[in-house]
Protein backbone atom coordinates (compact mmCIF):
# COMPACT_ATOMS: atom_id res chain seq x y z
CA MET A 1 30.03 49.94 8.44
CA VAL A 2 29.05 48.62 5.01
CA MET A 3 25.36 49.31 5.61
CA VAL A 4 26.11 52.91 6.72
CA LEU A 5 28.13 53.40 3.54
CA ILE A 6 25.28 52.01 1.43
CA GLN A 7 22.81 54.40 3.06
CA PHE A 8 25.18 57.33 2.53
CA LEU A 9 25.55 56.42 -1.16
CA ARG A 10 21.80 56.19 -1.57
CA LYS A 11 21.26 59.71 -0.05
CA HIS A 12 24.14 61.44 -1.87
CA SER A 13 24.42 59.32 -4.97
CA GLY A 14 24.47 62.33 -7.33
CA ALA A 15 27.23 64.20 -5.55
CA VAL A 16 29.28 61.06 -5.13
CA ILE A 17 29.04 60.24 -8.84
CA VAL A 18 30.12 63.80 -9.80
CA ALA A 19 33.01 63.78 -7.33
CA VAL A 20 34.22 60.37 -8.41
CA SER A 21 33.93 61.30 -12.09
CA LEU A 22 35.94 64.53 -11.64
CA SER A 23 38.54 62.73 -9.59
CA LEU A 24 38.94 60.03 -12.18
CA LEU A 25 39.14 62.65 -14.94
CA LEU A 26 41.86 64.58 -13.11
CA LEU A 27 43.71 61.36 -12.41
CA ALA A 28 43.54 60.43 -16.06
CA ILE A 29 44.84 63.84 -17.11
CA PHE A 30 47.76 63.83 -14.75
CA THR A 31 48.72 60.27 -15.47
CA SER A 32 48.35 60.44 -19.24
CA GLN A 33 51.97 61.47 -19.71
CA PRO A 34 54.55 58.79 -19.04
CA ARG A 35 56.67 59.85 -16.04
CA GLY A 36 58.96 58.07 -13.72
CA HIS A 37 57.53 59.62 -10.59
CA MET A 38 54.02 60.48 -9.41
CA THR A 39 53.31 64.19 -8.64
CA PHE A 40 52.02 65.33 -5.28
CA LEU A 41 48.59 66.04 -6.72
CA GLU A 42 48.42 62.60 -8.32
CA GLY A 43 49.33 61.00 -5.05
CA LEU A 44 46.75 63.07 -3.22
CA VAL A 45 44.05 62.14 -5.70
CA GLY A 46 45.05 58.50 -5.41
CA GLU A 47 44.87 58.67 -1.62
CA VAL A 48 41.31 59.96 -1.87
CA ILE A 49 40.04 57.85 -4.76
CA VAL A 50 41.43 54.42 -3.85
CA PRO A 51 39.58 54.06 -0.50
CA ILE A 52 36.36 55.21 -2.14
CA GLN A 53 36.86 52.71 -4.95
CA LYS A 54 37.49 49.96 -2.41
CA ALA A 55 34.40 50.88 -0.41
CA ILE A 56 32.24 51.01 -3.53
CA TYR A 57 33.65 47.69 -4.74
CA ARG A 58 32.94 46.07 -1.38
CA ALA A 59 29.43 47.49 -1.25
CA VAL A 60 28.64 46.38 -4.78
CA SER A 61 30.15 42.94 -4.14
CA PHE A 62 28.12 42.62 -0.93
CA ILE A 63 24.90 43.62 -2.69
CA GLN A 64 25.59 41.29 -5.63
CA GLY A 65 26.41 38.47 -3.24
CA SER A 66 23.24 39.07 -1.23
CA ILE A 67 21.13 39.12 -4.39
CA ALA A 68 22.81 35.94 -5.63
CA GLU A 69 22.25 34.29 -2.25
CA ILE A 70 18.57 35.25 -2.27
CA ASN A 71 18.15 33.92 -5.82
CA GLU A 72 19.98 30.74 -4.92
CA ARG A 73 17.75 30.26 -1.86
CA ARG A 74 14.65 30.78 -3.97
CA ASN A 75 15.93 28.27 -6.51
CA LEU A 76 16.68 25.78 -3.72
CA GLU A 77 13.18 26.21 -2.28
CA LYS A 78 11.67 25.77 -5.73
CA ASN A 79 13.81 22.67 -6.38
CA TYR A 80 12.89 21.32 -2.94
CA GLU A 81 9.16 21.65 -3.67
CA GLN A 82 9.63 20.01 -7.07
CA LEU A 83 11.63 17.16 -5.53
CA LYS A 84 9.05 16.76 -2.76
CA GLU A 85 6.30 16.51 -5.37
CA ARG A 86 8.31 13.98 -7.33
CA VAL A 87 8.98 11.88 -4.22
CA GLU A 88 5.24 11.82 -3.44
CA GLN A 89 4.50 10.71 -7.01
CA LEU A 90 7.14 7.98 -6.81
CA GLU A 91 5.80 6.79 -3.43
CA LYS A 92 2.30 6.51 -4.91
CA GLU A 93 3.67 4.68 -7.93
CA LEU A 94 5.68 2.35 -5.68
CA LEU A 95 2.57 1.63 -3.61
CA ARG A 96 0.57 0.92 -6.77
CA MET A 97 3.28 -1.40 -8.09
CA SER A 98 3.47 -3.15 -4.71
CA GLU A 99 -0.30 -3.70 -4.72
CA LEU A 100 -0.16 -5.05 -8.28
CA GLU A 101 2.68 -7.39 -7.29
CA LYS A 102 0.71 -8.72 -4.32
CA GLN A 103 -2.38 -9.13 -6.47
CA ASN A 104 -0.40 -10.97 -9.14
CA GLN A 105 0.96 -13.34 -6.50
CA ARG A 106 -2.54 -14.06 -5.18
CA LEU A 107 -3.94 -14.59 -8.68
CA LYS A 108 -1.03 -16.88 -9.57
CA LYS A 109 -1.80 -19.05 -6.55
CA LEU A 110 -5.45 -19.23 -7.56
CA LEU A 111 -4.43 -20.15 -11.09
CA ASP A 112 -2.08 -22.87 -9.82
CA PHE A 113 -4.95 -24.28 -7.74
CA ALA A 114 -7.24 -24.32 -10.79
CA VAL A 115 -4.59 -26.09 -12.89
CA GLU A 116 -3.96 -28.70 -10.19
CA ARG A 117 -7.67 -29.44 -9.76
CA GLU A 118 -8.58 -30.34 -13.32
CA GLU A 119 -11.84 -31.94 -12.19
CA LEU A 120 -13.19 -28.51 -11.20
CA VAL A 121 -14.72 -25.78 -13.35
CA VAL A 122 -13.39 -22.47 -12.05
CA THR A 123 -14.66 -18.90 -12.26
CA GLY A 124 -12.48 -16.16 -10.75
CA ALA A 125 -14.19 -13.42 -8.75
CA ARG A 126 -13.29 -10.35 -6.72
CA VAL A 127 -14.76 -9.58 -3.30
CA THR A 128 -16.77 -6.35 -3.55
CA GLY A 129 -18.50 -6.13 -0.17
CA LYS A 130 -18.74 -7.75 3.26
CA ASP A 131 -20.72 -7.60 6.48
CA PRO A 132 -19.65 -5.08 9.16
CA SER A 133 -17.73 -7.54 11.33
CA ASN A 134 -13.98 -8.17 11.22
CA TRP A 135 -14.64 -11.50 9.54
CA PHE A 136 -15.98 -12.32 6.09
CA ASN A 137 -18.97 -14.22 7.44
CA VAL A 138 -21.15 -13.18 4.52
CA PHE A 139 -19.74 -11.24 1.58
CA THR A 140 -20.46 -10.26 -2.03
CA ILE A 141 -18.50 -11.10 -5.18
CA ASP A 142 -18.60 -9.54 -8.65
CA LYS A 143 -19.77 -12.63 -10.58
CA GLY A 144 -23.34 -13.93 -10.96
CA LYS A 145 -25.79 -15.68 -13.27
CA ASN A 146 -24.26 -14.05 -16.34
CA HIS A 147 -21.02 -15.87 -15.47
CA GLY A 148 -22.56 -19.27 -14.74
CA VAL A 149 -22.62 -18.84 -10.97
CA GLU A 150 -25.40 -20.71 -9.15
CA VAL A 151 -26.63 -21.15 -5.58
CA ASN A 152 -24.71 -23.78 -3.53
CA MET A 153 -21.57 -23.61 -5.68
CA ALA A 154 -18.36 -23.87 -3.66
CA VAL A 155 -16.12 -20.83 -3.19
CA VAL A 156 -12.42 -21.42 -2.56
CA THR A 157 -8.96 -19.91 -2.56
CA ASP A 158 -5.65 -21.70 -3.01
CA ARG A 159 -5.64 -22.25 0.77
CA GLY A 160 -8.93 -24.12 0.94
CA LEU A 161 -12.71 -23.87 1.20
CA VAL A 162 -14.19 -20.42 1.76
CA GLY A 163 -17.90 -21.24 1.71
CA ARG A 164 -20.74 -21.53 -0.77
CA ILE A 165 -23.05 -19.32 -2.81
CA ILE A 166 -26.34 -18.50 -1.06
CA GLU A 167 -27.79 -15.83 -3.37
CA VAL A 168 -27.20 -14.90 -7.01
CA GLY A 169 -27.89 -11.82 -9.12
CA ALA A 170 -27.07 -11.09 -12.75
CA ASN A 171 -23.54 -9.85 -12.04
CA TRP A 172 -23.11 -10.51 -8.33
CA ALA A 173 -23.51 -13.24 -5.74
CA LYS A 174 -23.49 -13.58 -1.96
CA VAL A 175 -21.27 -16.09 -0.21
CA ARG A 176 -21.71 -17.58 3.27
CA SER A 177 -18.32 -18.55 4.64
CA ILE A 178 -17.66 -21.73 6.60
CA VAL A 179 -16.93 -19.72 9.77
CA ASP A 180 -20.42 -18.19 9.82
CA ALA A 181 -22.68 -19.67 12.54
CA GLN A 182 -25.35 -20.51 9.94
CA SER A 183 -22.93 -22.48 7.77
CA SER A 184 -23.16 -26.28 7.74
CA ILE A 185 -21.28 -28.59 5.36
CA SER A 186 -20.29 -32.25 5.24
CA GLY A 187 -16.67 -32.99 6.07
CA ILE A 188 -14.38 -35.94 6.52
CA VAL A 189 -11.21 -36.39 8.55
CA GLU A 190 -8.60 -37.22 5.94
CA ARG A 191 -6.59 -39.66 8.10
CA THR A 192 -9.34 -41.53 9.98
CA ARG A 193 -12.08 -41.17 7.34
CA ASP A 194 -14.58 -40.16 10.03
CA ASN A 195 -17.54 -38.18 8.68
CA GLY A 196 -19.13 -35.23 10.43
CA ILE A 197 -20.79 -31.86 9.94
CA VAL A 198 -18.59 -28.76 9.90
CA LYS A 199 -20.32 -25.72 11.41
CA GLY A 200 -19.10 -22.14 11.82
CA ASN A 201 -18.39 -20.69 15.25
CA ASN A 202 -18.80 -17.02 14.32
CA ALA A 203 -22.04 -15.83 15.92
CA PHE A 204 -23.04 -12.25 16.76
CA GLY A 205 -20.90 -11.07 19.66
CA SER A 206 -18.77 -14.20 19.64
CA GLU A 207 -16.32 -14.59 16.76
CA ASP A 208 -13.06 -16.50 16.75
CA GLY A 209 -12.76 -17.53 13.09
CA THR A 210 -12.90 -21.27 13.81
CA CYS A 211 -15.24 -24.12 12.91
CA ARG A 212 -16.36 -27.18 14.82
CA MET A 213 -16.85 -30.64 13.36
CA VAL A 214 -19.70 -32.38 15.19
CA TYR A 215 -21.20 -35.86 15.17
CA LEU A 216 -17.83 -37.60 15.13
CA PRO A 217 -18.11 -41.19 16.51
CA LEU A 218 -17.18 -41.67 20.15
CA ASP A 219 -14.57 -44.24 19.09
CA SER A 220 -13.06 -41.86 16.53
CA GLU A 221 -9.27 -41.54 16.75
CA VAL A 222 -9.28 -37.99 15.40
CA SER A 223 -6.48 -35.95 16.97
CA VAL A 224 -4.88 -32.53 16.89
CA GLY A 225 -3.14 -31.90 13.56
CA ASP A 226 -5.55 -34.00 11.46
CA LYS A 227 -6.70 -32.46 8.18
CA VAL A 228 -10.37 -32.07 7.34
CA ILE A 229 -11.70 -31.99 3.77
CA THR A 230 -15.10 -31.85 2.10
CA SER A 231 -16.77 -35.26 1.92
CA GLY A 232 -18.79 -34.69 -1.23
CA LEU A 233 -21.96 -36.02 0.44
CA GLY A 234 -25.18 -34.44 -0.74
CA ASP A 235 -23.68 -33.40 -4.09
CA LEU A 236 -23.51 -29.75 -2.94
CA LEU A 237 -19.75 -29.34 -2.76
CA PRO A 238 -17.02 -31.19 -4.68
CA LYS A 239 -15.18 -33.81 -2.65
CA GLY A 240 -11.65 -33.34 -1.34
CA ILE A 241 -11.46 -29.56 -0.90
CA TYR A 242 -9.31 -28.67 2.10
CA ILE A 243 -11.25 -27.15 5.02
CA GLY A 244 -8.73 -26.88 7.83
CA GLU A 245 -6.75 -28.49 10.63
CA VAL A 246 -7.95 -29.93 13.93
CA ILE A 247 -6.63 -27.86 16.85
CA GLU A 248 -8.67 -29.47 19.66
CA VAL A 249 -10.86 -32.54 20.27
CA VAL A 250 -13.56 -32.34 22.95
CA ARG A 251 -16.63 -34.19 24.20
CA TYR A 252 -19.26 -32.03 25.77
CA LYS A 253 -21.55 -33.37 28.49
CA LYS A 254 -24.74 -35.04 27.24
CA ASP A 255 -23.25 -35.33 23.71
CA LEU A 256 -23.08 -38.83 22.29
CA TYR A 257 -20.34 -37.81 19.88
CA LYS A 258 -16.97 -36.10 19.75
CA THR A 259 -16.39 -32.56 18.50
CA ALA A 260 -13.26 -31.36 16.74
CA ILE A 261 -12.36 -27.65 16.72
CA ILE A 262 -10.95 -26.71 13.32
CA LYS A 263 -8.75 -23.82 12.27
CA PRO A 264 -9.63 -23.07 8.60
CA GLY A 265 -6.91 -22.92 5.99
CA VAL A 266 -8.34 -19.67 4.60
CA ASP A 267 -7.59 -16.30 6.23
CA PHE A 268 -11.12 -14.97 6.70
CA GLN A 269 -10.00 -11.49 7.66
CA ARG A 270 -8.12 -10.77 4.44
CA LEU A 271 -10.14 -12.07 1.48
CA GLU A 272 -9.76 -10.20 -1.81
CA GLU A 273 -10.05 -12.71 -4.68
CA VAL A 274 -11.78 -16.10 -4.74
CA LEU A 275 -12.70 -18.92 -7.13
CA VAL A 276 -16.21 -20.22 -7.67
CA VAL A 277 -16.03 -23.95 -8.51
CA LYS A 278 -18.16 -26.94 -9.38
CA SER A 279 -17.38 -30.49 -10.41
CA ARG A 280 -17.06 -31.15 -14.15
CA PHE A 281 -19.50 -34.02 -13.93
CA ASP A 282 -22.16 -31.43 -13.01
CA GLU A 283 -21.95 -29.83 -16.48
């Protein structure tokens, strides 16, 4: 009904305006004198004008309401897009802050390790590249000769021995981790004082992130749960750096020694920052 009325008003807007204007003028003339009772003509004009006024008022109110609703919807959509953009910005900022917090925690642990081990000279470094495998068998750091880094220096985190430097450039160096199959370092069982060689078990096509300590004496009392540390033999690595924990002791056929399987203290799938160290007596 309202839409039909709107269409009618659009088609005959001129005539309607003239008719309404004349009607209002007549009504004004007849009602200008104060009287107690309305004349027949005034009543007739009122009967005609009032419904038209109501219809026009409703139509105008409907149109104004529709326009206001459309504008409000547009404003809501605009505000929604702005809020969505803001939420995305805040999520990125939150992620950045979270990463900084995690990095600060890692760096604090490295710093605590450096403070506790006063006998070591420490250079902090960030991991910048690694081999294609899931493990950090061989990886690159952002410190080199210009920072005092040399071949065979130990690389550690707060959780223990990572490996040692095998190649050095001006501002970079390559590290071979203790889990790499080509790694070989001297170790000692902390409780029994048995010496052995710690080798990596990660070979191409066979990687489990463990090490094995070979050449342990047949009468060794090494057992599961024993801690293994660097022995300091050969003057390549400082003595007493934690390597890992014994998780299995075996004796393979034809071997004249025991072998201990070691789980390293370092998480070799999630390395980000490391410390390059050397003993102070090497200076």
